[in-house]
Amino acid sequence: MKQFEIFEHGADVGIRGKGLTLEESFSAILKALASLLTEEISFEILQPEKEVEIEVFAEFLDELLVTYINKVLTYTFLEEILFWEFKGKIEHQEKIYFLKGKLLGTKFETQRFGYGVEVKGATFTLAKVEKENSFWVAQCVVDV
């Protein structure tokens, strides 16, 4: 199973993450996002150098995903950190989904990673978070 992928959608681009757990799918989608933001990246050799606390909540899982990606993009551009991993929990309490944990990444340096696509934000286009067979799939289209 491929853990993450990018797919075409008109003038924009879709990102997708898959995992055995909801948290794994939300972590994997960060690799798809990082692949868009860079020209060249090898996740196997990257070591986390930076971590940022993240906490978001929403009424629905697809809303949680879009909010999460947009917050990751905000941290990426404000803090100049390229994130590729999420460590934490997603819980459903009293009709609200809560995501809380840490984003792991490294300094976002164009000399190291090159110039990828400028991602402006996540949208609700094709946004879904659902279990397909034994895997969780999280996906949305990002505005480029």
N, C-alpha and C. Protein backbone atom coordinates (compact mmCIF):
# COMPACT_ATOMS: atom_id res chain seq x y z
N MET A 1 0.83 -1.19 0.00
CA MET A 1 0.00 0.00 0.00
C MET A 1 0.87 1.24 0.00
N LYS A 2 0.59 2.16 -0.91
CA LYS A 2 1.28 3.43 -0.92
C LYS A 2 0.67 4.31 0.17
N GLN A 3 1.51 4.84 1.03
CA GLN A 3 1.06 5.58 2.20
C GLN A 3 0.49 6.96 1.84
N PHE A 4 1.02 7.59 0.79
CA PHE A 4 0.53 8.90 0.40
C PHE A 4 0.62 9.05 -1.10
N GLU A 5 -0.18 9.99 -1.62
CA GLU A 5 -0.13 10.25 -3.06
C GLU A 5 -0.69 11.62 -3.37
N ILE A 6 -0.36 12.07 -4.57
CA ILE A 6 -0.84 13.33 -5.12
C ILE A 6 -1.68 12.97 -6.33
N PHE A 7 -2.81 13.66 -6.52
CA PHE A 7 -3.63 13.40 -7.69
C PHE A 7 -4.08 14.71 -8.32
N GLU A 8 -4.24 14.69 -9.63
CA GLU A 8 -4.63 15.88 -10.39
C GLU A 8 -6.11 16.19 -10.18
N HIS A 9 -6.40 17.50 -10.15
CA HIS A 9 -7.79 17.94 -10.08
C HIS A 9 -7.89 19.31 -10.73
N GLY A 10 -8.21 19.34 -12.00
CA GLY A 10 -8.34 20.61 -12.72
C GLY A 10 -7.09 21.44 -12.59
N ALA A 11 -7.25 22.69 -12.16
CA ALA A 11 -6.11 23.59 -11.98
C ALA A 11 -5.44 23.40 -10.62
N ASP A 12 -6.03 22.60 -9.78
CA ASP A 12 -5.49 22.38 -8.44
C ASP A 12 -4.94 20.96 -8.32
N VAL A 13 -4.57 20.58 -7.10
CA VAL A 13 -3.96 19.27 -6.87
C VAL A 13 -4.56 18.65 -5.62
N GLY A 14 -4.78 17.34 -5.67
CA GLY A 14 -5.29 16.62 -4.51
C GLY A 14 -4.15 15.95 -3.75
N ILE A 15 -4.33 15.85 -2.45
CA ILE A 15 -3.38 15.12 -1.61
C ILE A 15 -4.14 14.05 -0.84
N ARG A 16 -3.48 12.92 -0.63
CA ARG A 16 -4.16 11.79 0.03
C ARG A 16 -3.16 11.08 0.94
N GLY A 17 -3.63 10.71 2.12
CA GLY A 17 -2.84 9.91 3.06
C GLY A 17 -3.62 8.70 3.49
N LYS A 18 -2.92 7.58 3.66
CA LYS A 18 -3.57 6.33 4.08
C LYS A 18 -2.83 5.76 5.28
N GLY A 19 -3.59 5.08 6.14
CA GLY A 19 -2.98 4.45 7.30
C GLY A 19 -3.92 3.47 7.96
N LEU A 20 -3.36 2.65 8.83
CA LEU A 20 -4.17 1.69 9.57
C LEU A 20 -5.04 2.38 10.62
N THR A 21 -4.60 3.58 11.04
CA THR A 21 -5.38 4.36 12.01
C THR A 21 -5.68 5.72 11.41
N LEU A 22 -6.62 6.39 12.00
CA LEU A 22 -6.96 7.75 11.59
C LEU A 22 -5.74 8.66 11.71
N GLU A 23 -5.01 8.52 12.80
CA GLU A 23 -3.82 9.34 13.02
C GLU A 23 -2.75 9.08 11.95
N GLU A 24 -2.58 7.82 11.55
CA GLU A 24 -1.60 7.50 10.51
C GLU A 24 -1.98 8.14 9.18
N SER A 25 -3.26 8.18 8.87
CA SER A 25 -3.68 8.82 7.60
C SER A 25 -3.44 10.33 7.64
N PHE A 26 -3.64 10.96 8.80
CA PHE A 26 -3.38 12.39 8.94
C PHE A 26 -1.88 12.67 8.92
N SER A 27 -1.08 11.74 9.36
CA SER A 27 0.38 11.89 9.28
C SER A 27 0.84 11.71 7.84
N ALA A 28 0.31 10.69 7.16
CA ALA A 28 0.74 10.39 5.79
C ALA A 28 0.40 11.52 4.82
N ILE A 29 -0.72 12.20 5.05
CA ILE A 29 -1.09 13.27 4.13
C ILE A 29 -0.08 14.42 4.18
N LEU A 30 0.63 14.54 5.29
CA LEU A 30 1.68 15.56 5.39
C LEU A 30 2.82 15.27 4.41
N LYS A 31 3.10 14.01 4.18
CA LYS A 31 4.13 13.64 3.20
C LYS A 31 3.70 14.04 1.79
N ALA A 32 2.43 13.87 1.47
CA ALA A 32 1.93 14.31 0.17
C ALA A 32 2.06 15.83 0.04
N LEU A 33 1.70 16.54 1.10
CA LEU A 33 1.82 18.00 1.10
C LEU A 33 3.28 18.43 0.95
N ALA A 34 4.18 17.80 1.71
CA ALA A 34 5.60 18.13 1.61
C ALA A 34 6.16 17.83 0.22
N SER A 35 5.65 16.78 -0.41
CA SER A 35 6.08 16.43 -1.78
C SER A 35 5.69 17.52 -2.77
N LEU A 36 4.58 18.18 -2.52
CA LEU A 36 4.16 19.29 -3.39
C LEU A 36 5.02 20.53 -3.16
N LEU A 37 5.33 20.79 -1.91
CA LEU A 37 6.04 22.02 -1.55
C LEU A 37 7.52 21.99 -1.94
N THR A 38 8.02 20.81 -2.28
CA THR A 38 9.45 20.66 -2.59
C THR A 38 9.64 20.08 -3.99
N GLU A 39 10.84 20.25 -4.51
CA GLU A 39 11.19 19.61 -5.78
C GLU A 39 11.68 18.20 -5.56
N GLU A 40 12.46 18.05 -4.50
CA GLU A 40 13.08 16.76 -4.22
C GLU A 40 13.12 16.53 -2.72
N ILE A 41 12.60 15.38 -2.31
CA ILE A 41 12.59 15.06 -0.88
C ILE A 41 12.66 13.55 -0.71
N SER A 42 13.44 13.13 0.27
CA SER A 42 13.56 11.71 0.60
C SER A 42 13.24 11.56 2.09
N PHE A 43 12.05 11.08 2.37
CA PHE A 43 11.60 10.97 3.76
C PHE A 43 12.42 9.96 4.56
N GLU A 44 13.01 8.98 3.87
CA GLU A 44 13.78 7.94 4.55
C GLU A 44 15.02 8.49 5.24
N ILE A 45 15.59 9.57 4.71
CA ILE A 45 16.83 10.10 5.31
C ILE A 45 16.60 11.33 6.19
N LEU A 46 15.39 11.87 6.18
CA LEU A 46 15.10 13.04 7.00
C LEU A 46 15.01 12.68 8.47
N GLN A 47 15.56 13.55 9.28
CA GLN A 47 15.45 13.42 10.74
C GLN A 47 14.71 14.65 11.26
N PRO A 48 13.73 14.46 12.15
CA PRO A 48 13.02 15.62 12.70
C PRO A 48 13.97 16.53 13.46
N GLU A 49 13.94 17.80 13.11
CA GLU A 49 14.76 18.80 13.79
C GLU A 49 13.90 19.78 14.58
N LYS A 50 12.64 19.88 14.17
CA LYS A 50 11.73 20.84 14.79
C LYS A 50 10.42 20.14 15.11
N GLU A 51 9.76 20.62 16.15
CA GLU A 51 8.42 20.13 16.44
C GLU A 51 7.56 21.29 16.93
N VAL A 52 6.30 21.24 16.54
CA VAL A 52 5.34 22.29 16.89
C VAL A 52 4.08 21.61 17.40
N GLU A 53 3.56 22.11 18.50
CA GLU A 53 2.29 21.61 19.04
C GLU A 53 1.16 22.04 18.13
N ILE A 54 0.21 21.13 17.94
CA ILE A 54 -0.97 21.46 17.13
C ILE A 54 -2.21 20.94 17.83
N GLU A 55 -3.26 21.75 17.75
CA GLU A 55 -4.55 21.36 18.31
C GLU A 55 -5.64 22.00 17.46
N VAL A 56 -6.49 21.16 16.89
CA VAL A 56 -7.63 21.65 16.11
C VAL A 56 -8.85 20.82 16.45
N PHE A 57 -10.01 21.38 16.19
CA PHE A 57 -11.25 20.64 16.43
C PHE A 57 -12.27 21.00 15.37
N ALA A 58 -13.21 20.10 15.15
CA ALA A 58 -14.26 20.32 14.16
C ALA A 58 -15.41 19.36 14.41
N GLU A 59 -16.54 19.67 13.81
CA GLU A 59 -17.72 18.84 13.98
C GLU A 59 -17.66 17.57 13.13
N PHE A 60 -17.00 17.66 11.97
CA PHE A 60 -16.92 16.53 11.05
C PHE A 60 -15.46 16.23 10.72
N LEU A 61 -15.16 14.99 10.35
CA LEU A 61 -13.79 14.59 10.05
C LEU A 61 -13.21 15.33 8.84
N ASP A 62 -14.00 15.54 7.79
CA ASP A 62 -13.47 16.25 6.63
C ASP A 62 -13.16 17.71 6.98
N GLU A 63 -13.96 18.30 7.84
CA GLU A 63 -13.70 19.65 8.32
C GLU A 63 -12.43 19.68 9.17
N LEU A 64 -12.23 18.66 9.99
CA LEU A 64 -11.02 18.55 10.80
C LEU A 64 -9.79 18.48 9.90
N LEU A 65 -9.87 17.70 8.83
CA LEU A 65 -8.75 17.56 7.90
C LEU A 65 -8.40 18.89 7.24
N VAL A 66 -9.37 19.58 6.71
CA VAL A 66 -9.12 20.86 6.03
C VAL A 66 -8.55 21.88 7.01
N THR A 67 -9.10 21.95 8.21
CA THR A 67 -8.60 22.86 9.23
C THR A 67 -7.15 22.51 9.60
N TYR A 68 -6.88 21.23 9.75
CA TYR A 68 -5.54 20.73 10.08
C TYR A 68 -4.53 21.11 9.00
N ILE A 69 -4.84 20.83 7.74
CA ILE A 69 -3.91 21.15 6.64
C ILE A 69 -3.66 22.65 6.58
N ASN A 70 -4.70 23.45 6.74
CA ASN A 70 -4.52 24.90 6.70
C ASN A 70 -3.67 25.40 7.86
N LYS A 71 -3.81 24.78 9.02
CA LYS A 71 -2.98 25.19 10.15
C LYS A 71 -1.53 24.77 9.92
N VAL A 72 -1.32 23.58 9.35
CA VAL A 72 0.03 23.13 9.01
C VAL A 72 0.66 24.10 8.02
N LEU A 73 -0.08 24.51 7.01
CA LEU A 73 0.44 25.48 6.03
C LEU A 73 0.80 26.81 6.69
N THR A 74 -0.01 27.25 7.61
CA THR A 74 0.29 28.49 8.34
C THR A 74 1.61 28.36 9.08
N TYR A 75 1.79 27.27 9.83
CA TYR A 75 3.05 27.04 10.54
C TYR A 75 4.22 26.92 9.56
N THR A 76 3.98 26.24 8.44
CA THR A 76 5.04 26.06 7.45
C THR A 76 5.59 27.40 6.98
N PHE A 77 4.71 28.30 6.62
CA PHE A 77 5.16 29.58 6.06
C PHE A 77 5.57 30.59 7.12
N LEU A 78 4.95 30.58 8.29
CA LEU A 78 5.35 31.51 9.34
C LEU A 78 6.64 31.10 10.03
N GLU A 79 6.79 29.81 10.28
CA GLU A 79 7.95 29.31 11.01
C GLU A 79 9.05 28.77 10.09
N GLU A 80 8.76 28.68 8.78
CA GLU A 80 9.70 28.14 7.79
C GLU A 80 10.15 26.72 8.16
N ILE A 81 9.14 25.88 8.44
CA ILE A 81 9.38 24.47 8.78
C ILE A 81 8.61 23.61 7.79
N LEU A 82 9.29 22.61 7.26
CA LEU A 82 8.66 21.63 6.38
C LEU A 82 8.24 20.45 7.25
N PHE A 83 6.93 20.25 7.39
CA PHE A 83 6.42 19.18 8.24
C PHE A 83 6.11 17.95 7.40
N TRP A 84 6.41 16.78 7.96
CA TRP A 84 6.10 15.53 7.25
C TRP A 84 5.57 14.44 8.17
N GLU A 85 5.40 14.74 9.45
CA GLU A 85 4.89 13.71 10.35
C GLU A 85 4.06 14.32 11.47
N PHE A 86 2.98 13.60 11.84
CA PHE A 86 2.12 13.98 12.96
C PHE A 86 2.18 12.88 13.99
N LYS A 87 2.39 13.25 15.25
CA LYS A 87 2.36 12.32 16.37
C LYS A 87 1.32 12.85 17.35
N GLY A 88 0.27 12.09 17.55
CA GLY A 88 -0.75 12.54 18.47
C GLY A 88 -2.00 11.68 18.39
N LYS A 89 -3.12 12.25 18.81
CA LYS A 89 -4.39 11.53 18.87
C LYS A 89 -5.50 12.34 18.22
N ILE A 90 -6.45 11.60 17.67
CA ILE A 90 -7.69 12.20 17.20
C ILE A 90 -8.81 11.49 17.96
N GLU A 91 -9.60 12.28 18.67
CA GLU A 91 -10.67 11.71 19.49
C GLU A 91 -12.00 12.36 19.16
N HIS A 92 -13.06 11.61 19.39
CA HIS A 92 -14.42 12.10 19.17
C HIS A 92 -15.10 12.17 20.53
N GLN A 93 -15.44 13.40 20.94
CA GLN A 93 -16.08 13.60 22.23
C GLN A 93 -17.22 14.59 22.08
N GLU A 94 -18.38 14.22 22.56
CA GLU A 94 -19.54 15.11 22.57
C GLU A 94 -19.78 15.76 21.21
N LYS A 95 -19.79 14.96 20.15
CA LYS A 95 -20.09 15.38 18.78
C LYS A 95 -19.01 16.27 18.16
N ILE A 96 -17.83 16.32 18.75
CA ILE A 96 -16.72 17.12 18.21
C ILE A 96 -15.48 16.23 18.09
N TYR A 97 -14.78 16.38 16.97
CA TYR A 97 -13.50 15.69 16.77
C TYR A 97 -12.38 16.61 17.21
N PHE A 98 -11.44 16.06 18.00
CA PHE A 98 -10.28 16.81 18.48
C PHE A 98 -9.00 16.15 17.98
N LEU A 99 -8.13 16.95 17.40
CA LEU A 99 -6.79 16.50 17.01
C LEU A 99 -5.81 17.25 17.89
N LYS A 100 -4.94 16.51 18.55
CA LYS A 100 -3.97 17.14 19.44
C LYS A 100 -2.67 16.35 19.36
N GLY A 101 -1.56 17.06 19.20
CA GLY A 101 -0.28 16.38 19.15
C GLY A 101 0.83 17.29 18.68
N LYS A 102 1.81 16.69 18.00
CA LYS A 102 2.99 17.42 17.54
C LYS A 102 3.19 17.19 16.05
N LEU A 103 3.61 18.25 15.38
CA LEU A 103 4.05 18.17 14.00
C LEU A 103 5.56 18.09 14.01
N LEU A 104 6.12 17.14 13.27
CA LEU A 104 7.57 16.99 13.20
C LEU A 104 8.04 17.42 11.83
N GLY A 105 9.17 18.12 11.81
CA GLY A 105 9.69 18.59 10.53
C GLY A 105 11.11 19.08 10.63
N THR A 106 11.49 19.81 9.62
CA THR A 106 12.84 20.34 9.53
C THR A 106 12.78 21.74 8.92
N LYS A 107 13.84 22.48 9.05
CA LYS A 107 13.89 23.82 8.47
C LYS A 107 13.63 23.73 6.97
N PHE A 108 12.74 24.58 6.50
CA PHE A 108 12.36 24.58 5.08
C PHE A 108 13.34 25.47 4.33
N GLU A 109 14.32 24.84 3.70
CA GLU A 109 15.37 25.55 2.98
C GLU A 109 15.30 25.22 1.49
N THR A 110 15.13 26.26 0.67
CA THR A 110 15.02 26.01 -0.77
C THR A 110 16.33 25.48 -1.35
N GLN A 111 17.47 25.81 -0.75
CA GLN A 111 18.74 25.27 -1.23
C GLN A 111 18.76 23.75 -1.08
N ARG A 112 18.11 23.26 -0.08
CA ARG A 112 18.09 21.83 0.22
C ARG A 112 16.97 21.08 -0.51
N PHE A 113 15.79 21.69 -0.57
CA PHE A 113 14.61 21.02 -1.11
C PHE A 113 14.14 21.54 -2.46
N GLY A 114 14.68 22.67 -2.91
CA GLY A 114 14.26 23.25 -4.18
C GLY A 114 12.92 23.96 -4.04
N TYR A 115 12.44 24.44 -5.17
CA TYR A 115 11.16 25.15 -5.22
C TYR A 115 10.08 24.22 -5.74
N GLY A 116 9.13 23.91 -4.93
CA GLY A 116 8.01 23.08 -5.37
C GLY A 116 6.86 23.97 -5.78
N VAL A 117 5.67 23.49 -5.55
CA VAL A 117 4.45 24.22 -5.88
C VAL A 117 4.06 25.09 -4.68
N GLU A 118 3.58 26.30 -4.96
CA GLU A 118 3.08 27.14 -3.88
C GLU A 118 1.65 26.69 -3.54
N VAL A 119 1.47 26.19 -2.35
CA VAL A 119 0.15 25.74 -1.90
C VAL A 119 -0.46 26.85 -1.07
N LYS A 120 -1.62 27.35 -1.52
CA LYS A 120 -2.27 28.47 -0.85
C LYS A 120 -3.15 28.02 0.31
N GLY A 121 -3.77 26.84 0.17
CA GLY A 121 -4.63 26.37 1.24
C GLY A 121 -5.40 25.12 0.85
N ALA A 122 -5.91 24.44 1.86
CA ALA A 122 -6.74 23.25 1.65
C ALA A 122 -8.18 23.69 1.42
N THR A 123 -8.89 22.91 0.60
CA THR A 123 -10.29 23.21 0.30
C THR A 123 -11.15 21.99 0.66
N PHE A 124 -12.46 22.19 0.62
CA PHE A 124 -13.38 21.09 0.87
C PHE A 124 -13.67 20.28 -0.39
N THR A 125 -13.07 20.67 -1.51
CA THR A 125 -13.26 19.92 -2.75
C THR A 125 -12.70 18.51 -2.58
N LEU A 126 -13.54 17.52 -2.81
CA LEU A 126 -13.20 16.10 -2.67
C LEU A 126 -12.67 15.74 -1.28
N ALA A 127 -12.92 16.60 -0.29
CA ALA A 127 -12.45 16.32 1.07
C ALA A 127 -13.23 15.14 1.64
N LYS A 128 -12.48 14.18 2.16
CA LYS A 128 -13.12 13.04 2.83
C LYS A 128 -12.12 12.39 3.77
N VAL A 129 -12.66 11.85 4.81
CA VAL A 129 -11.90 11.03 5.75
C VAL A 129 -12.81 9.85 6.05
N GLU A 130 -12.38 8.68 5.59
CA GLU A 130 -13.23 7.51 5.80
C GLU A 130 -12.40 6.24 5.80
N LYS A 131 -13.01 5.21 6.34
CA LYS A 131 -12.36 3.91 6.38
C LYS A 131 -12.73 3.15 5.12
N GLU A 132 -11.72 2.69 4.39
CA GLU A 132 -11.91 1.88 3.18
C GLU A 132 -11.23 0.55 3.44
N ASN A 133 -12.03 -0.48 3.54
CA ASN A 133 -11.54 -1.81 3.93
C ASN A 133 -10.85 -1.68 5.29
N SER A 134 -9.58 -2.00 5.39
CA SER A 134 -8.92 -1.92 6.70
C SER A 134 -8.06 -0.67 6.86
N PHE A 135 -8.15 0.27 5.90
CA PHE A 135 -7.32 1.48 5.95
C PHE A 135 -8.17 2.74 6.06
N TRP A 136 -7.63 3.72 6.77
CA TRP A 136 -8.22 5.05 6.81
C TRP A 136 -7.62 5.85 5.66
N VAL A 137 -8.48 6.62 4.97
CA VAL A 137 -8.05 7.48 3.88
C VAL A 137 -8.46 8.91 4.22
N ALA A 138 -7.50 9.83 4.13
CA ALA A 138 -7.75 11.25 4.32
C ALA A 138 -7.31 11.96 3.06
N GLN A 139 -8.21 12.75 2.47
CA GLN A 139 -7.83 13.45 1.24
C GLN A 139 -8.58 14.76 1.11
N CYS A 140 -7.98 15.67 0.35
CA CYS A 140 -8.62 16.93 -0.02
C CYS A 140 -7.85 17.51 -1.19
N VAL A 141 -8.43 18.53 -1.79
CA VAL A 141 -7.77 19.26 -2.87
C VAL A 141 -7.19 20.53 -2.26
N VAL A 142 -5.97 20.86 -2.67
CA VAL A 142 -5.33 22.08 -2.21
C VAL A 142 -5.26 23.08 -3.35
N ASP A 143 -5.41 24.33 -3.01
CA ASP A 143 -5.36 25.42 -3.98
C ASP A 143 -3.90 25.76 -4.24
N VAL A 144 -3.50 25.67 -5.51
CA VAL A 144 -2.10 25.96 -5.88
C VAL A 144 -2.03 27.13 -6.83
